Structure formats: structure tokens, C-alpha cells
PDB file of N, CA and C in Angstrom:
ATOM      1  N   MET A   1     270.396 266.711 134.859  1.00  0.00           N
ATOM      2  CA  MET A   1     270.305 267.283 136.385  1.00  0.00           C
ATOM      3  C   MET A   1     269.809 268.720 136.106  1.00  0.00           C
ATOM      4  N   ALA A   2     269.256 269.143 137.038  1.00  0.00           N
ATOM      5  CA  ALA A   2     268.685 270.730 137.066  1.00  0.00           C
ATOM      6  C   ALA A   2     269.928 271.575 137.487  1.00  0.00           C
ATOM      7  N   PHE A   3     270.765 271.090 138.267  1.00  0.00           N
ATOM      8  CA  PHE A   3     271.706 271.748 138.856  1.00  0.00           C
ATOM      9  C   PHE A   3     273.211 271.411 138.266  1.00  0.00           C
ATOM     10  N   ASN A   4     274.144 272.466 138.120  1.00  0.00           N
ATOM     11  CA  ASN A   4     275.396 272.066 137.584  1.00  0.00           C
ATOM     12  C   ASN A   4     276.471 271.735 138.563  1.00  0.00           C
ATOM     13  N   SER A   5     276.288 271.992 139.753  1.00  0.00           N
ATOM     14  CA  SER A   5     277.082 271.375 140.853  1.00  0.00           C
ATOM     15  C   SER A   5     276.327 271.364 142.021  1.00  0.00           C
ATOM     16  N   PHE A   6     277.026 270.691 143.177  1.00  0.00           N
ATOM     17  CA  PHE A   6     276.483 270.397 144.320  1.00  0.00           C
ATOM     18  C   PHE A   6     276.110 271.806 145.137  1.00  0.00           C
ATOM     19  N   SER A   7     277.127 272.756 144.920  1.00  0.00           N
ATOM     20  CA  SER A   7     277.002 274.166 145.594  1.00  0.00           C
ATOM     21  C   SER A   7     275.779 274.821 144.910  1.00  0.00           C
ATOM     22  N   ASP A   8     275.434 274.648 143.621  1.00  0.00           N
ATOM     23  CA  ASP A   8     274.180 275.214 143.142  1.00  0.00           C
ATOM     24  C   ASP A   8     273.116 274.659 143.523  1.00  0.00           C
ATOM     25  N   PHE A   9     273.097 273.304 143.835  1.00  0.00           N
ATOM     26  CA  PHE A   9     272.051 272.604 144.546  1.00  0.00           C
ATOM     27  C   PHE A   9     271.753 273.244 145.904  1.00  0.00           C
ATOM     28  N   ILE A  10     272.668 273.250 146.760  1.00  0.00           N
ATOM     29  CA  ILE A  10     272.609 274.029 147.824  1.00  0.00           C
ATOM     30  C   ILE A  10     272.149 275.446 147.990  1.00  0.00           C
ATOM     31  N   ALA A  11     272.459 276.137 146.827  1.00  0.00           N
ATOM     32  CA  ALA A  11     272.109 277.564 146.815  1.00  0.00           C
ATOM     33  C   ALA A  11     270.869 277.576 146.362  1.00  0.00           C
ATOM     34  N   MET A  12     270.325 276.692 145.649  1.00  0.00           N
ATOM     35  CA  MET A  12     268.876 276.685 145.038  1.00  0.00           C
ATOM     36  C   MET A  12     268.529 277.828 144.311  1.00  0.00           C
ATOM     37  N   GLY A  13     269.324 278.402 143.374  1.00  0.00           N
ATOM     38  CA  GLY A  13     269.219 279.628 142.595  1.00  0.00           C
ATOM     39  C   GLY A  13     268.945 280.686 143.564  1.00  0.00           C
ATOM     40  N   GLY A  14     269.566 280.955 144.550  1.00  0.00           N
ATOM     41  CA  GLY A  14     269.446 282.006 145.436  1.00  0.00           C
ATOM     42  C   GLY A  14     268.449 281.895 146.449  1.00  0.00           C
ATOM     43  N   TYR A  15     267.582 280.874 146.472  1.00  0.00           N
ATOM     44  CA  TYR A  15     266.617 280.736 147.488  1.00  0.00           C
ATOM     45  C   TYR A  15     266.957 279.410 148.447  1.00  0.00           C
ATOM     46  N   GLY A  16     268.143 279.145 148.549  1.00  0.00           N
ATOM     47  CA  GLY A  16     268.560 278.020 149.384  1.00  0.00           C
ATOM     48  C   GLY A  16     268.373 278.371 150.833  1.00  0.00           C
ATOM     49  N   PHE A  17     268.457 279.454 151.450  1.00  0.00           N
ATOM     50  CA  PHE A  17     268.271 279.841 152.743  1.00  0.00           C
ATOM     51  C   PHE A  17     266.678 279.493 153.237  1.00  0.00           C
ATOM     52  N   TYR A  18     265.989 280.022 152.267  1.00  0.00           N
ATOM     53  CA  TYR A  18     264.423 279.660 152.641  1.00  0.00           C
ATOM     54  C   TYR A  18     264.198 278.206 152.383  1.00  0.00           C
ATOM     55  N   VAL A  19     264.812 277.521 151.374  1.00  0.00           N
ATOM     56  CA  VAL A  19     264.259 276.289 151.163  1.00  0.00           C
ATOM     57  C   VAL A  19     264.756 275.303 152.275  1.00  0.00           C
ATOM     58  N   TRP A  20     266.118 275.501 152.773  1.00  0.00           N
ATOM     59  CA  TRP A  20     266.639 274.670 153.583  1.00  0.00           C
ATOM     60  C   TRP A  20     266.091 274.915 155.070  1.00  0.00           C
ATOM     61  N   LEU A  21     265.785 276.246 155.371  1.00  0.00           N
ATOM     62  CA  LEU A  21     265.082 276.676 156.585  1.00  0.00           C
ATOM     63  C   LEU A  21     263.800 275.898 156.598  1.00  0.00           C
ATOM     64  N   SER A  22     263.036 275.961 155.605  1.00  0.00           N
ATOM     65  CA  SER A  22     261.739 275.389 155.612  1.00  0.00           C
ATOM     66  C   SER A  22     261.815 273.749 155.879  1.00  0.00           C
ATOM     67  N   TYR A  23     262.779 273.164 155.278  1.00  0.00           N
ATOM     68  CA  TYR A  23     263.187 271.745 155.399  1.00  0.00           C
ATOM     69  C   TYR A  23     263.568 271.705 156.892  1.00  0.00           C
ATOM     70  N   GLY A  24     264.417 272.322 157.380  1.00  0.00           N
ATOM     71  CA  GLY A  24     264.646 272.247 158.837  1.00  0.00           C
ATOM     72  C   GLY A  24     263.650 272.387 159.864  1.00  0.00           C
ATOM     73  N   LEU A  25     262.752 273.454 159.629  1.00  0.00           N
ATOM     74  CA  LEU A  25     261.751 273.641 160.672  1.00  0.00           C
ATOM     75  C   LEU A  25     260.764 272.564 160.368  1.00  0.00           C
ATOM     76  N   SER A  26     260.479 272.088 159.321  1.00  0.00           N
ATOM     77  CA  SER A  26     259.462 270.964 159.070  1.00  0.00           C
ATOM     78  C   SER A  26     260.050 269.572 159.903  1.00  0.00           C
ATOM     79  N   PHE A  27     261.335 269.419 159.778  1.00  0.00           N
ATOM     80  CA  PHE A  27     262.032 268.270 160.158  1.00  0.00           C
ATOM     81  C   PHE A  27     262.007 268.449 161.861  1.00  0.00           C
ATOM     82  N   PHE A  28     262.019 269.537 162.414  1.00  0.00           N
ATOM     83  CA  PHE A  28     262.186 269.976 163.861  1.00  0.00           C
ATOM     84  C   PHE A  28     260.661 269.817 164.306  1.00  0.00           C
ATOM     85  N   ALA A  29     259.910 270.130 163.594  1.00  0.00           N
ATOM     86  CA  ALA A  29     258.174 269.929 163.984  1.00  0.00           C
ATOM     87  C   ALA A  29     258.040 268.542 164.090  1.00  0.00           C
ATOM     88  N   LEU A  30     258.437 267.599 163.129  1.00  0.00           N
ATOM     89  CA  LEU A  30     258.121 266.295 163.112  1.00  0.00           C
ATOM     90  C   LEU A  30     258.701 265.455 164.313  1.00  0.00           C
ATOM     91  N   ILE A  31     259.824 265.993 164.560  1.00  0.00           N
ATOM     92  CA  ILE A  31     260.489 265.402 165.629  1.00  0.00           C
ATOM     93  C   ILE A  31     259.988 265.809 167.043  1.00  0.00           C
ATOM     94  N   ILE A  32     259.359 267.029 167.152  1.00  0.00           N
ATOM     95  CA  ILE A  32     258.825 267.429 168.335  1.00  0.00           C
ATOM     96  C   ILE A  32     257.452 266.715 168.461  1.00  0.00           C
ATOM     97  N   LEU A  33     256.750 266.410 167.422  1.00  0.00           N
ATOM     98  CA  LEU A  33     255.363 265.672 167.449  1.00  0.00           C
ATOM     99  C   LEU A  33     255.516 264.168 167.586  1.00  0.00           C
ATOM    100  N   VAL A  34     256.672 263.633 167.309  1.00  0.00           N
ATOM    101  CA  VAL A  34     257.132 262.213 167.616  1.00  0.00           C
ATOM    102  C   VAL A  34     257.274 262.164 169.156  1.00  0.00           C
ATOM    103  N   VAL A  35     258.152 263.096 169.618  1.00  0.00           N
ATOM    104  CA  VAL A  35     258.705 262.959 171.035  1.00  0.00           C
ATOM    105  C   VAL A  35     257.347 263.399 171.830  1.00  0.00           C
ATOM    106  N   ASN A  36     256.479 264.214 171.492  1.00  0.00           N
ATOM    107  CA  ASN A  36     255.409 264.569 172.370  1.00  0.00           C
ATOM    108  C   ASN A  36     254.406 263.366 172.211  1.00  0.00           C
ATOM    109  N   SER A  37     254.154 262.868 171.234  1.00  0.00           N
ATOM    110  CA  SER A  37     253.328 261.545 171.064  1.00  0.00           C
ATOM    111  C   SER A  37     253.730 260.379 172.002  1.00  0.00           C
ATOM    112  N   VAL A  38     255.080 260.130 171.884  1.00  0.00           N
ATOM    113  CA  VAL A  38     255.507 259.062 172.851  1.00  0.00           C
ATOM    114  C   VAL A  38     255.439 259.512 174.411  1.00  0.00           C
ATOM    115  N   ALA A  39     255.671 260.597 174.521  1.00  0.00           N
ATOM    116  CA  ALA A  39     255.492 261.168 175.862  1.00  0.00           C
ATOM    117  C   ALA A  39     253.863 260.976 176.598  1.00  0.00           C
ATOM    118  N   LYS A  40     253.144 261.451 175.778  1.00  0.00           N
ATOM    119  CA  LYS A  40     251.745 261.287 176.062  1.00  0.00           C
ATOM    120  C   LYS A  40     251.280 259.800 176.114  1.00  0.00           C
ATOM    121  N   LYS A  41     251.702 259.005 175.308  1.00  0.00           N
ATOM    122  CA  LYS A  41     251.446 257.498 175.477  1.00  0.00           C
ATOM    123  C   LYS A  41     251.768 257.024 176.454  1.00  0.00           C
ATOM    124  N   ASN A  42     253.120 257.187 177.034  1.00  0.00           N
ATOM    125  CA  ASN A  42     253.695 256.637 178.201  1.00  0.00           C
ATOM    126  C   ASN A  42     252.848 257.200 179.373  1.00  0.00           C
ATOM    127  N   LYS A  43     252.509 258.404 179.341  1.00  0.00           N
ATOM    128  CA  LYS A  43     251.715 259.001 180.500  1.00  0.00           C
ATOM    129  C   LYS A  43     250.275 258.334 180.654  1.00  0.00           C
ATOM    130  N   ILE A  44     249.661 258.032 179.568  1.00  0.00           N
ATOM    131  CA  ILE A  44     248.302 257.522 179.434  1.00  0.00           C
ATOM    132  C   ILE A  44     248.376 256.030 179.865  1.00  0.00           C
ATOM    133  N   LEU A  45     249.473 255.273 179.504  1.00  0.00           N
ATOM    134  CA  LEU A  45     249.622 253.917 179.951  1.00  0.00           C
ATOM    135  C   LEU A  45     250.052 253.793 181.501  1.00  0.00           C
ATOM    136  N   LYS A  46     250.662 254.776 181.917  1.00  0.00           N
ATOM    137  CA  LYS A  46     251.038 254.848 183.435  1.00  0.00           C
ATOM    138  C   LYS A  46     249.885 255.181 184.218  1.00  0.00           C
ATOM    139  N   ASN A  47     248.906 255.977 183.644  1.00  0.00           N
ATOM    140  CA  ASN A  47     247.648 256.262 184.370  1.00  0.00           C
ATOM    141  C   ASN A  47     246.790 255.162 184.479  1.00  0.00           C
ATOM    142  N   VAL A  48     246.653 254.429 183.391  1.00  0.00           N
ATOM    143  CA  VAL A  48     246.006 253.315 183.268  1.00  0.00           C
ATOM    144  C   VAL A  48     246.521 252.003 184.250  1.00  0.00           C
ATOM    145  N   GLU A  49     247.649 251.994 184.293  1.00  0.00           N
ATOM    146  CA  GLU A  49     248.198 250.962 185.382  1.00  0.00           C
ATOM    147  C   GLU A  49     247.805 251.507 186.818  1.00  0.00           C
ATOM    148  N   GLN A  50     248.066 252.574 186.957  1.00  0.00           N
ATOM    149  CA  GLN A  50     247.637 253.248 188.384  1.00  0.00           C
ATOM    150  C   GLN A  50     246.336 252.996 188.706  1.00  0.00           C
ATOM    151  N   ARG A  51     245.163 253.307 187.660  1.00  0.00           N
ATOM    152  CA  ARG A  51     243.946 253.023 187.932  1.00  0.00           C
ATOM    153  C   ARG A  51     243.538 251.618 188.204  1.00  0.00           C
ATOM    154  N   LEU A  52     244.204 250.717 187.389  1.00  0.00           N
ATOM    155  CA  LEU A  52     243.955 249.344 187.483  1.00  0.00           C
ATOM    156  C   LEU A  52     244.501 248.977 188.893  1.00  0.00           C
ATOM    157  N   ALA A  53     245.498 249.391 189.376  1.00  0.00           N
ATOM    158  CA  ALA A  53     246.102 248.951 190.756  1.00  0.00           C
ATOM    159  C   ALA A  53     245.178 249.425 191.543  1.00  0.00           C
ATOM    160  N   ARG A  54     244.656 250.763 191.591  1.00  0.00           N
ATOM    161  CA  ARG A  54     243.725 251.166 192.669  1.00  0.00           C
ATOM    162  C   ARG A  54     242.512 250.504 192.711  1.00  0.00           C
ATOM    163  N   GLU A  55     241.998 250.083 191.434  1.00  0.00           N
ATOM    164  CA  GLU A  55     240.828 249.347 191.522  1.00  0.00           C
ATOM    165  C   GLU A  55     241.024 247.983 192.033  1.00  0.00           C
ATOM    166  N   GLU A  56     242.182 247.320 191.883  1.00  0.00           N
ATOM    167  CA  GLU A  56     242.455 245.905 192.569  1.00  0.00           C
ATOM    168  C   GLU A  56     242.463 246.242 194.097  1.00  0.00           C
ATOM    169  N   ARG A  57     243.221 247.349 194.489  1.00  0.00           N
ATOM    170  CA  ARG A  57     243.260 247.541 195.903  1.00  0.00           C
ATOM    171  C   ARG A  57     241.748 247.666 196.559  1.00  0.00           C
ATOM    172  N   ILE A  58     240.960 248.449 195.870  1.00  0.00           N
ATOM    173  CA  ILE A  58     239.528 248.489 196.401  1.00  0.00           C
ATOM    174  C   ILE A  58     238.831 247.156 196.563  1.00  0.00           C
ATOM    175  N   LYS A  59     238.952 246.485 195.400  1.00  0.00           N
ATOM    176  CA  LYS A  59     238.333 245.213 195.355  1.00  0.00           C
ATOM    177  C   LYS A  59     238.733 244.276 196.498  1.00  0.00           C
ATOM    178  N   LYS A  60     240.186 244.261 196.772  1.00  0.00           N
ATOM    179  CA  LYS A  60     240.712 243.335 197.755  1.00  0.00           C
ATOM    180  C   LYS A  60     240.172 243.958 199.252  1.00  0.00           C
ATOM    181  N   ALA A  61     240.172 245.279 199.337  1.00  0.00           N
ATOM    182  CA  ALA A  61     239.610 245.868 200.552  1.00  0.00           C
ATOM    183  C   ALA A  61     238.117 245.433 200.983  1.00  0.00           C
ATOM    184  N   LYS A  62     237.441 245.634 199.842  1.00  0.00           N
ATOM    185  CA  LYS A  62     235.896 245.150 199.933  1.00  0.00           C
ATOM    186  C   LYS A  62     235.976 243.587 200.412  1.00  0.00           C
ATOM    187  N   ASN A  63     236.670 242.819 199.492  1.00  0.00           N
ATOM    188  CA  ASN A  63     236.659 241.469 200.023  1.00  0.00           C
ATOM    189  C   ASN A  63     237.147 241.183 201.650  1.00  0.00           C
ATOM    190  N   LEU A  64     237.986 241.881 202.023  1.00  0.00           N
ATOM    191  CA  LEU A  64     238.477 241.867 203.403  1.00  0.00           C
ATOM    192  C   LEU A  64     237.330 242.313 204.306  1.00  0.00           C
ATOM    193  N   GLU A  65     236.694 243.206 203.950  1.00  0.00           N
ATOM    194  CA  GLU A  65     235.504 243.844 204.598  1.00  0.00           C
ATOM    195  C   GLU A  65     234.427 242.749 204.961  1.00  0.00           C
ATOM    196  N   GLY A  66     234.121 241.968 203.869  1.00  0.00           N
ATOM    197  CA  GLY A  66     233.049 241.210 203.901  1.00  0.00           C
ATOM    198  C   GLY A  66     233.509 239.841 204.747  1.00  0.00           C
ATOM    199  N   THR A  67     234.600 239.702 204.908  1.00  0.00           N
ATOM    200  CA  THR A  67     235.242 238.348 205.722  1.00  0.00           C
ATOM    201  C   THR A  67     235.074 238.636 207.223  1.00  0.00           C
ATOM    202  N   LEU A  68     235.124 240.067 207.590  1.00  0.00           N
ATOM    203  CA  LEU A  68     235.198 240.361 208.959  1.00  0.00           C
ATOM    204  C   LEU A  68     233.964 240.180 209.684  1.00  0.00           C
TER     205      LEU A  68
END
């Protein structure tokens, strides 16, 4: 093992702050990316549903116009 103890592992030879900060920021960025992607996907799906419903209403209105 490269480190003699767990505290040496956490300290990373004096660079622990920078190492763990970079891990933390990377993890935070990945979480933000996932949350943003899910939110955008849900927004796109909602827009598609609204568009389909609108097209269906327009189609029904045109059919009713033709019968009058």
C-alpha cells in the first residue's frame, strides 16, 4: 500500500485539500449534469404531449367544421 495509514491517505502527502476538492467539484458537476438532463428531458416530453394534444384538437375542430 502506498500510504501507511488512513489519515495519510486522506492527507495525500500534503495535497489532500486539492485532491478531495477536485473530487468534490467533479462529483458536484456530474450531479448537476444529471439533474439538468432529467429536467430537460421531462420538459421536452411535456412539450411533445402538448403539441400532440393541440394537433388532435385542431384535427377534431376541422372534422366538426366539415360536418356543419
